[in-house]
Each structure stands twice: as C-alpha cells, then as structure tokens.
Amino acid sequence: MTASTTASALIPIILSGGAGTRLWPISRESSPKPFIQLPDGQSLIEKTYRRALSLEGVKEVLTVTNRDYYFRCKDEFEMAAREGHPDCQNGFLLEPVGRNTAPAIALAALYVQLQHGPDAVMLVLASDHLINDVATFDRDAAQAAALARAGWLVTFGIRPSGPETGFGYLQAGAPVTGDVASPGLKALRFVEKPDRETARGYVEDGSYFWNAGMFCFTASTFLATLAQTAPDLHRSALACWEAAQGAWDVSRRLIELPRAEFAVLPDISVDYAVMEKADRVAIVPANFDWNDIGSWNAIADLTPADADGNRIQGEAVTHHVTNTYLHSETRVIGAIGLADIMVVDTPDAVLVAHRSQVQDIKILVNQLKSRGFDAATQHRTASRPWGTYTVLEDGPRFKIKRIEVKPGAALSLQMHYHRAEHWIVVAGTAKVINGGSELLLLTNESTFIPAGHKHRLENPGVIPLVMIEVQSGDYLGEDDIVRFEDIYRRAVVPQA
C-alpha cells in the first residue's frame, strides 16, 4: 500500500451508521435511514454517493459503515457507478460496533493519508442528508477544499429558516483573510441543541448557522489536531489502524477494523473531540438546499400535497381528510375524518401519530424493544449479500419464506441442527448441494433437506432465482446455522 503521487486529491468520506429510529417503521436497525427509498426511487445513501461522484477529480469514495451494511452499500453504489462513473474506486472501512463520528473520521484519515498522501483533502459527508442542488453543493465544496488546503478545519453552516431545536448551532465571526482566497467565516463557538427561546435568539442574532454535520480538512491537519485535542483517542486510533493492517483486502479496498482495538475507542462526536477545541476552524455558509430528513414530516414534504393538504405514498382512499400523510407499501389505506395525522403502513407494523408528535417515535421504539417485538429492529424482508428473504408466515414449528437470490450469487455451505427445509423453485434455476448430491432445479421442481444435512443454494442463471422455503422443526431461529464455506467472508466453522 503506497500513497498516491497526487498531492491534494479530494476524497469524499461517507459516514453511514445509526439506527434511524425517528423514521420507524420504515427505518430499523437492520435497514436504517440511509437505505430508505425516497419517492423518486433512490435511497439517501445512493444520492449521497452520486453527489460525491459529481465533485471534480474524485478517484475514490471511502465509506465508513458497519460490517452488516457493507453489501447494502456496495449494491447501492454499483448502480450509480454503472451510470457514468465506472472508474471511481470504492474503499470501505467496516466497523464491528458503533463508535460515533470522531473514531470513524480518525480511521478514515489514516486510510486517506496512506492511500493518497497527507495533503489529500477529506470531504466528510453524512449518508442520510438530502441535497438537491448538486451544482451549488459542488461550488461550496470547492470553497471548503481551498480552505482545507490552507490548513483550516472546515464545517458547513446552514442558514436557519426558523428556531429549530433539533439541530446544533455554529456562531460565525469575521471572514477568513490572508492565506486563502476562498470565502469563509471563522467559527467562534459550537452550541448544542438549544431550547426554543434560545434558538429564537440565535435566529434573530443573525450570526448563527445550523451545524450541517459535514466537514472538510486534509488528513494531516485533522490527525495533527486530533493529537492535540484528544491525545488518548489519537493513540487508540493508531493502535487500531496498526492492528487492522492484516485484515486489508487489496482487491476490494476493504478493511475490517478489529473488534478488540476498535471497541475501546471512545464513543464521541468529532465536534466534541476536535472541532470545538481547535483554533483554526472555518465555516462555509452553505448556498445549497439541505435537509437531514430527521422526521416523518420531512419525508412527507417530499410528496406534493393534494387540494386538501394530504400527501399520499402508495394506495389510499380518503373522505373528510386534511393535512394528513398516508404511506402504504402493500395495502390500500382507507381514511375517514382525519386531520394532521401520520399513517405509515408496512407488512408487519403500522405507525399512527399526530404530525406534531412524530419526534417521540424513539420513545415508542424503546417500548417495543422492551416488550420483545422483533418489528422494533427487524423487517420481514431481510437483506443478505446474496439477495433477500421475506417471512410470509410464521407459526408453531413452521415458517414459510420467499427467497430471492441474485444472478451469480450463492448462500453459504451450511447446516441446521433443529430444522428441516423444503425448497420449491418458482422462477429461475437453482443449483443445490443437498448432502452428498448436487442438483439442478428448474421452475416447479423441489428438494427436501433434512436437519443435519450440509446444503447450499446457488443461482447459476442471469435472472433472479425465486424460491419458497418451508421450514419445520423444534427451533426456527436465524441463529441455528453452521457455516462451512462462505464467499462473503462471514464466519465459518474450522474444517478438520
């Protein structure tokens, strides 16, 4: 691994983590907010990636995310890359546990310094922000990069449209002068989420911005500042980086960060650890539109309203309904006599809330977790590296699934102790290992796999393979699986 000869490359860093409980039941821990599909068919993380690719001269986009989200990110990015950016490389740092933005950016800076040199500029982006004015974003990012090359730590400020209490604030001072021609303002202080009266004063003052949570600096400037403002975190990040070198996958530009070393890093934001304590911090006032999609009201606003102020995604019929948002994935919603209500219908959970109280959804999710509801964290349709499965029905001693396998993909060679499985092909072609036999199953053909048999499912075709799986047994949990081989590098049992 050697550094690039390009002295000041611009490397977008996408941070993708968090549960996104404010957008339950669509956003859950197993499939959080960045992967929500918006009305135009694109997800927030896909939009962030496309925005990163729009920047001039980008040769690599580095994503820091949880190990469980790697394949989802990869699928989202491949679609965008096929549409005009085939030469851009994608790097990944995979976190074993969540540790907030400061550790994530520290490890990203060490990666960028090694791969692209200490003067490479990092543009740190959240994966769940919505920005439609990409051309203006590009111009503001270029201004931030110029400040970064002059040794400034840069953050982006959003001009407040009202006394919002859900955002942090930045107070701006005099313009940056002297060593850089790019416009920017010196940051005087960072303020945590205020109460409404304080927020109203900030808006009237005129020198305050919302903190967008996007940053720009060179790798060397960030690491040098981190060593001063958070020396313990700096040392721990270096130790984690050294321990990770053995897990470097050159072909995929992929590093799986080691759990033991990463888990001891402090759970702290980059604002607390670095930006609030540093001397040379500048603000670029954002001229682009910005939306952090922090509530269902923000999602609703993406859909045009009808004459009664209603916004509808999916199928719905209304009577005497006003200023209401109805979202349905599979069923028709019938609504009568509602005003200012939010209804979000999914296959296994329904949210009904007053539009003024959607910020309390996290309280609801915590109650669901405490009572053991799987729907608090999991969807009925689960994503896997090879495709998806959907639980169609779940009862005592049986479970029925719809399984879809991507072309060329394969499940692990595995075995179950407590359940048998019956596979029926409904579309495509299945290549199956069942015990000591290898089978090729076509549409309407099936096979039975007794408990204790090693088995594997593969799609050798060029169209998706769709199957119905009927499980039966004493225990049907997803943890009843022993993997012997896996092309996706998931944990397997040692072979004798």
Foldseek 3Di string as FASTA:
>chain_A
DAADPPQAAEEEEEEDDDQQLLPPPVGFQQRHQQCDQAPVRAGLLLQVLLLRVVAPPAQEYEYEEAPSCVLVSVVSPVVSCVVPPVRRAYAYEHEPDDQAAPLSVLLVLVVNCGYHNQNYKYKYDYSQKDFDPSVLVNVLVVLQSQLQSLLFKEFEFEQDPALDQPFKKWFWDDWDDDRGPRTWTFTDAIGHRDPSVVSRVQNVVPRMGTGQLIIMHGSNSVLVQLCVQPVVLSVLSVVQNVVFPVQQDVVRNYTYGDNVSNVPRHRDYCCNRGVRPDDRYIYRYRPTDMDSCSHVVVSQVVADADPQLEGEADAEDEECEHVEYYADDPDYHYYYNYYQWYWHDDPPDIDIDRVVPSSCSVVVLVVCVVVPNPSSHDDQWGADSQGIKGWPDDDQFKTKIKDKGAAFGKFFFKFFAWKKKKKAWQAAWKFKDAAPDTDIDHHGDIDIHGHPTGMMIGHNDNHMTIIMMMMGGNDDDPVRMAGDGDPSPDDHDDDD
